[in-house]
């Protein structure tokens, strides 16, 4: 089905209420604009921006708004970044988090393969700045794969002690060449697994690191593929998984393959609980950072939380 027709065929369960022009959403947008910051909520055209910003939560995107990768599903601008990381960005993020009164913040980034440390130092500086300004705020990082610099980058980021370490697997291994041409499925799994060991070396007196990963469905995978990826994640000690529907950003992006039904998402949740994930958030509008604090608390409490 052509792209335009497929968009017109969007099922009723994919309906999203438009953000209110008043209230908390507008307030947060003003704070983010004032601080000259980027959010993945806007850059990736997240369908939950109205709900999350209305709740007073946001996912900050550091290291600029130009990604050195060109994943075929992603709405973030790709190309060659023209500038080095902005030195005061960690402080500006921390100040915004403080003014927004957040209890849990997610920090992510574009891929920066042009940087010697792939941006790991900037992640660590941002975590520490948030900690200083907001001691009670939980910090989750959603990191790139740190291509060619994995072990050093892991130590740099994990020394700053985030509560949650997230790297999204996105899709099945056999689709990587088409969907994530510069990514590597096995290296993504190894990054998540290795993070557990690096954390234990750096923080032996603390509880184990909580790791997390996410998938987008509707890019050519089958339900069996989804379950296979979930089994791989559990085999690599991942604690939290999120699964949501792919939305084709433009006609130039990867074509939408299917609309996954609420019943299919329900099956993913049931199977995920049986596999032993601490938290399974799976639903049409779920994204990696959707209700991130609830995901963390559910995994900590072992309540096997789900999302619709």
Protein backbone atom coordinates (compact mmCIF):
# COMPACT_ATOMS: atom_id res chain seq x y z
CA UNK A 1 0.00 0.00 0.00
CA UNK A 2 1.46 3.45 -0.92
CA UNK A 3 2.72 5.62 1.91
CA UNK A 4 -0.09 8.17 1.76
CA UNK A 5 -2.78 5.47 1.73
CA UNK A 6 -1.19 3.62 4.63
CA UNK A 7 -1.23 6.80 6.71
CA UNK A 8 -4.93 7.26 5.93
CA UNK A 9 -5.49 3.69 7.09
CA UNK A 10 -4.14 4.44 10.57
CA UNK A 11 -6.25 2.41 13.04
CA UNK A 12 -8.26 4.01 15.80
CA UNK A 13 -5.94 2.75 18.55
CA UNK A 14 -3.18 4.97 17.10
CA UNK A 15 -5.18 8.16 17.71
CA UNK A 16 -3.29 10.71 19.81
CA UNK A 17 -4.79 13.76 21.43
CA UNK A 18 -3.10 16.98 20.31
CA UNK A 19 -1.13 18.80 23.04
CA UNK A 20 -3.05 21.54 24.81
CA UNK A 21 -1.74 25.01 23.92
CA UNK A 22 -2.02 25.96 27.59
CA UNK A 23 -0.77 24.59 30.88
CA UNK A 24 2.26 22.42 31.64
CA UNK A 25 3.07 21.55 28.01
CA UNK A 26 3.49 25.20 27.06
CA UNK A 27 5.46 25.90 30.23
CA UNK A 28 7.95 23.11 29.52
CA UNK A 29 8.32 24.12 25.89
CA UNK A 30 9.17 27.62 27.04
CA UNK A 31 11.80 26.36 29.51
CA UNK A 32 13.41 24.17 26.85
CA UNK A 33 13.46 27.00 24.29
CA UNK A 34 14.84 29.40 26.89
CA UNK A 35 17.67 27.00 27.70
CA UNK A 36 18.53 26.40 24.04
CA UNK A 37 18.09 22.66 24.60
CA UNK A 38 17.02 19.76 22.38
CA UNK A 39 14.58 17.02 23.30
CA UNK A 40 14.15 13.70 21.56
CA UNK A 41 10.42 14.25 22.13
CA UNK A 42 10.51 16.86 19.36
CA UNK A 43 13.42 15.62 17.25
CA UNK A 44 11.98 12.09 16.90
CA UNK A 45 8.37 13.33 16.63
CA UNK A 46 7.25 11.25 19.61
CA UNK A 47 3.46 10.72 19.67
CA UNK A 48 3.43 11.03 23.47
CA UNK A 49 4.87 14.53 23.65
CA UNK A 50 1.59 16.03 24.83
CA UNK A 51 1.10 13.47 27.61
CA UNK A 52 4.69 13.47 28.83
CA UNK A 53 5.20 17.21 28.72
CA UNK A 54 1.81 17.63 30.33
CA UNK A 55 3.07 15.44 33.19
CA UNK A 56 6.19 17.57 33.52
CA UNK A 57 8.66 15.03 32.07
CA UNK A 58 10.96 15.18 29.07
CA UNK A 59 13.88 13.36 27.46
CA UNK A 60 16.84 15.63 26.82
CA UNK A 61 18.95 15.11 23.72
CA UNK A 62 22.54 16.22 24.21
CA UNK A 63 25.44 16.53 21.75
CA UNK A 64 23.48 18.54 19.22
CA UNK A 65 20.73 17.70 16.75
CA UNK A 66 22.73 16.19 13.85
CA UNK A 67 23.42 12.44 13.93
CA UNK A 68 26.36 10.81 12.17
CA UNK A 69 24.22 7.74 11.42
CA UNK A 70 21.33 7.49 8.97
CA UNK A 71 19.02 4.81 10.38
CA UNK A 72 16.14 4.44 7.94
CA UNK A 73 13.36 4.67 10.55
CA UNK A 74 14.60 7.71 12.45
CA UNK A 75 13.33 11.28 12.06
CA UNK A 76 16.44 12.89 13.60
CA UNK A 77 18.56 14.86 11.09
CA UNK A 78 21.62 12.96 9.85
CA UNK A 79 24.84 14.40 8.49
CA UNK A 80 28.18 15.74 9.66
CA UNK A 81 27.98 17.82 12.88
CA UNK A 82 29.63 21.18 12.39
CA UNK A 83 30.62 21.85 16.00
CA UNK A 84 32.08 20.23 19.09
CA UNK A 85 29.86 19.49 22.10
CA UNK A 86 28.74 22.70 23.82
CA UNK A 87 30.67 22.84 27.15
CA UNK A 88 27.85 24.46 29.12
CA UNK A 89 25.13 22.10 27.88
CA UNK A 90 25.34 19.79 30.95
CA UNK A 91 24.77 22.78 33.24
CA UNK A 92 21.87 24.04 31.13
CA UNK A 93 20.23 20.60 31.20
CA UNK A 94 20.67 20.42 34.97
CA UNK A 95 19.18 23.87 35.40
CA UNK A 96 16.18 22.95 33.25
CA UNK A 97 15.64 19.72 35.20
CA UNK A 98 15.68 21.71 38.43
CA UNK A 99 13.22 24.32 37.15
CA UNK A 100 10.91 21.60 35.81
CA UNK A 101 10.94 19.79 39.16
CA UNK A 102 11.64 16.38 37.63
CA UNK A 103 11.96 13.24 39.77
CA UNK A 104 13.35 11.13 36.92
CA UNK A 105 15.10 12.42 33.82
CA UNK A 106 16.19 10.64 30.65
CA UNK A 107 19.32 11.84 28.84
CA UNK A 108 19.96 10.61 25.31
CA UNK A 109 21.97 11.81 22.32
CA UNK A 110 22.51 11.58 18.62
CA UNK A 111 25.34 9.31 17.48
CA UNK A 112 28.62 11.24 17.40
CA UNK A 113 31.05 8.94 15.60
CA UNK A 114 33.10 12.05 14.84
CA UNK A 115 34.17 12.46 18.48
CA UNK A 116 37.16 10.55 19.91
CA UNK A 117 35.14 9.33 22.92
CA UNK A 118 31.84 9.14 20.95
CA UNK A 119 30.35 11.62 23.43
CA UNK A 120 30.80 9.51 26.58
CA UNK A 121 32.46 12.33 28.51
CA UNK A 122 29.56 14.65 27.76
CA UNK A 123 27.10 12.05 29.07
CA UNK A 124 29.09 11.74 32.30
CA UNK A 125 29.31 15.52 32.72
CA UNK A 126 25.54 15.82 32.24
CA UNK A 127 24.78 13.11 34.80
CA UNK A 128 27.04 14.79 37.37
CA UNK A 129 25.59 18.24 36.71
CA UNK A 130 22.04 16.91 37.22
CA UNK A 131 23.13 15.18 40.44
CA UNK A 132 24.64 18.38 41.86
CA UNK A 133 21.58 20.50 41.06
CA UNK A 134 18.94 17.84 41.79
CA UNK A 135 20.24 15.28 44.33
CA UNK A 136 16.96 13.36 44.54
CA UNK A 137 16.36 13.07 40.79
CA UNK A 138 16.76 9.67 39.14
CA UNK A 139 18.89 9.71 36.00
CA UNK A 140 18.46 7.35 33.06
CA UNK A 141 20.80 7.39 30.07
CA UNK A 142 19.81 6.16 26.62
CA UNK A 143 23.17 5.79 24.91
CA UNK A 144 24.45 5.11 21.38
CA UNK A 145 26.65 2.06 20.73
CA UNK A 146 29.95 3.99 21.21
CA UNK A 147 31.30 2.32 18.06
CA UNK A 148 35.00 1.47 18.43
CA UNK A 149 35.21 2.90 21.95
CA UNK A 150 32.85 0.64 23.91
CA UNK A 151 34.78 -0.36 27.03
CA UNK A 152 36.30 3.07 27.65
CA UNK A 153 32.94 4.76 27.07
CA UNK A 154 31.15 2.39 29.43
CA UNK A 155 33.58 3.14 32.23
CA UNK A 156 33.28 6.88 31.64
CA UNK A 157 29.47 6.90 31.69
CA UNK A 158 28.99 4.36 34.49
CA UNK A 159 31.47 6.05 36.81
CA UNK A 160 28.88 8.84 36.98
CA UNK A 161 26.38 6.27 38.30
CA UNK A 162 23.09 6.64 36.40
CA UNK A 163 20.13 4.69 37.84
CA UNK A 164 19.24 3.12 34.47
CA UNK A 165 21.43 2.27 31.48
CA UNK A 166 19.51 1.97 28.21
CA UNK A 167 20.55 1.07 24.68
CA UNK A 168 17.81 0.29 22.19
CA UNK A 169 18.11 -2.89 20.13
CA UNK A 170 15.29 -1.57 17.84
CA UNK A 171 14.68 -4.59 15.58
CA UNK A 172 15.51 -8.19 14.68
CA UNK A 173 19.02 -9.17 13.65
CA UNK A 174 18.11 -10.13 10.07
CA UNK A 175 16.72 -6.60 9.46
CA UNK A 176 19.76 -4.67 10.67
CA UNK A 177 21.41 -4.20 7.29
CA UNK A 178 18.20 -2.67 5.94
CA UNK A 179 17.07 -0.75 9.01
CA UNK A 180 20.30 0.16 10.85
CA UNK A 181 23.07 -0.17 8.23
CA UNK A 182 25.80 1.12 10.57
CA UNK A 183 24.57 -0.82 13.59
CA UNK A 184 25.43 -4.33 14.78
CA UNK A 185 22.85 -6.48 16.58
CA UNK A 186 25.35 -8.64 18.45
CA UNK A 187 27.44 -5.66 19.53
CA UNK A 188 24.29 -3.98 20.84
CA UNK A 189 23.54 -7.03 23.00
CA UNK A 190 27.14 -7.20 24.16
CA UNK A 191 27.09 -3.51 25.14
CA UNK A 192 24.10 -4.12 27.43
CA UNK A 193 25.64 -7.25 28.91
CA UNK A 194 29.06 -5.73 29.42
CA UNK A 195 27.56 -2.71 31.19
CA UNK A 196 26.50 -5.02 34.05
CA UNK A 197 30.07 -6.20 34.57
CA UNK A 198 31.65 -2.75 34.31
CA UNK A 199 29.16 -1.43 36.88
CA UNK A 200 30.00 -4.26 39.28
CA UNK A 201 33.70 -3.44 38.96
CA UNK A 202 33.16 0.28 39.54
CA UNK A 203 30.47 0.08 42.24
CA UNK A 204 30.89 -3.26 44.06
CA UNK A 205 28.90 -2.13 47.12
CA UNK A 206 25.85 -1.03 45.13
CA UNK A 207 22.94 -3.11 43.79
CA UNK A 208 23.32 -4.41 40.23
CA UNK A 209 22.90 -1.94 37.37
CA UNK A 210 19.42 -1.79 35.85
CA UNK A 211 19.65 -2.21 32.08
CA UNK A 212 16.95 -1.51 29.54
CA UNK A 213 16.31 -1.82 25.82
CA UNK A 214 13.53 -1.09 23.35
CA UNK A 215 12.08 -2.28 20.08
CA UNK A 216 10.00 -0.68 17.34
CA UNK A 217 7.62 -3.02 15.53
CA UNK A 218 6.14 -2.64 12.07
CA UNK A 219 9.46 -2.49 10.19
CA UNK A 220 9.35 -5.95 8.59
CA UNK A 221 9.66 -8.26 11.60
CA UNK A 222 7.26 -11.04 12.58
CA UNK A 223 5.83 -11.70 16.03
CA UNK A 224 8.26 -14.63 16.34
CA UNK A 225 11.11 -12.21 15.57
CA UNK A 226 9.94 -9.94 18.39
CA UNK A 227 9.88 -12.81 20.87
CA UNK A 228 13.30 -13.94 19.67
CA UNK A 229 14.78 -10.50 20.32
CA UNK A 230 13.19 -10.49 23.78
CA UNK A 231 14.80 -13.85 24.55
CA UNK A 232 18.17 -12.50 23.38
CA UNK A 233 17.79 -9.47 25.65
CA UNK A 234 17.01 -11.64 28.67
CA UNK A 235 19.98 -13.88 27.84
CA UNK A 236 22.10 -10.72 28.07
CA UNK A 237 20.61 -9.79 31.47
CA UNK A 238 18.41 -6.90 30.36
CA UNK A 239 15.87 -5.96 33.05
CA UNK A 240 13.39 -3.66 31.28
CA UNK A 241 12.00 -3.83 27.74
CA UNK A 242 9.78 -1.43 25.81
CA UNK A 243 7.98 -2.23 22.55
CA UNK A 244 6.05 0.27 20.44
CA UNK A 245 4.61 0.81 16.96
CA UNK A 246 6.77 2.25 14.18
CA UNK A 247 5.41 5.43 12.59
CA UNK A 248 6.96 6.30 9.23
CA UNK A 249 8.18 9.91 9.60
CA UNK A 250 8.21 10.81 5.87
CA UNK A 251 7.91 9.13 2.51
CA UNK A 252 11.72 8.99 2.37
CA UNK A 253 11.93 6.78 5.46
CA UNK A 254 11.55 3.02 5.78
CA UNK A 255 8.05 1.98 4.68
CA UNK A 256 5.62 0.95 7.38
CA UNK A 257 5.16 -2.81 7.12
CA UNK A 258 2.17 -3.43 9.40
CA UNK A 259 -0.03 -2.06 12.14
CA UNK A 260 0.51 -4.23 15.23
CA UNK A 261 -2.74 -4.76 17.12
CA UNK A 262 -3.33 -4.22 20.84
CA UNK A 263 -3.86 -7.99 21.14
CA UNK A 264 -0.39 -8.63 19.74
CA UNK A 265 1.14 -6.14 22.16
CA UNK A 266 -0.70 -7.91 24.97
CA UNK A 267 0.98 -11.15 23.91
CA UNK A 268 4.40 -9.46 24.02
CA UNK A 269 3.68 -8.35 27.58
CA UNK A 270 2.57 -11.81 28.67
CA UNK A 271 5.58 -13.48 27.08
CA UNK A 272 7.93 -10.87 28.53
CA UNK A 273 6.64 -11.46 32.04
CA UNK A 274 7.12 -15.20 31.57
CA UNK A 275 10.71 -14.59 30.42
CA UNK A 276 11.46 -12.75 33.66
CA UNK A 277 11.76 -9.08 32.67
CA UNK A 278 11.37 -6.80 35.67
CA UNK A 279 9.20 -4.43 33.65
CA UNK A 280 7.50 -4.83 30.26
CA UNK A 281 6.00 -1.74 28.63
CA UNK A 282 4.45 -2.72 25.30
CA UNK A 283 1.73 -0.90 23.43
CA UNK A 284 1.04 0.98 20.18
CA UNK A 285 2.18 4.36 21.51
CA UNK A 286 4.93 3.16 23.85
CA UNK A 287 8.38 4.64 23.33
CA UNK A 288 11.63 3.93 25.14
CA UNK A 289 11.28 6.87 27.53
CA UNK A 290 7.51 6.64 27.97
CA UNK A 291 6.71 6.79 31.70
CA UNK A 292 10.36 6.01 32.35
CA UNK A 293 10.12 6.50 36.09
CA UNK A 294 7.25 4.02 36.29
CA UNK A 295 9.31 1.50 34.32
CA UNK A 296 12.22 1.87 36.76
CA UNK A 297 10.06 1.65 39.89
CA UNK A 298 8.20 -1.37 38.54
CA UNK A 299 11.46 -3.21 37.85
CA UNK A 300 12.84 -2.28 41.28
CA UNK A 301 9.67 -3.54 42.95
CA UNK A 302 9.29 -6.60 40.76
CA UNK A 303 5.69 -5.70 39.98
CA UNK A 304 6.02 -6.64 36.29
CA UNK A 305 4.31 -3.43 35.19
CA UNK A 306 2.72 -3.19 31.76
CA UNK A 307 1.53 -0.35 29.57
CA UNK A 308 -1.20 -0.24 26.95
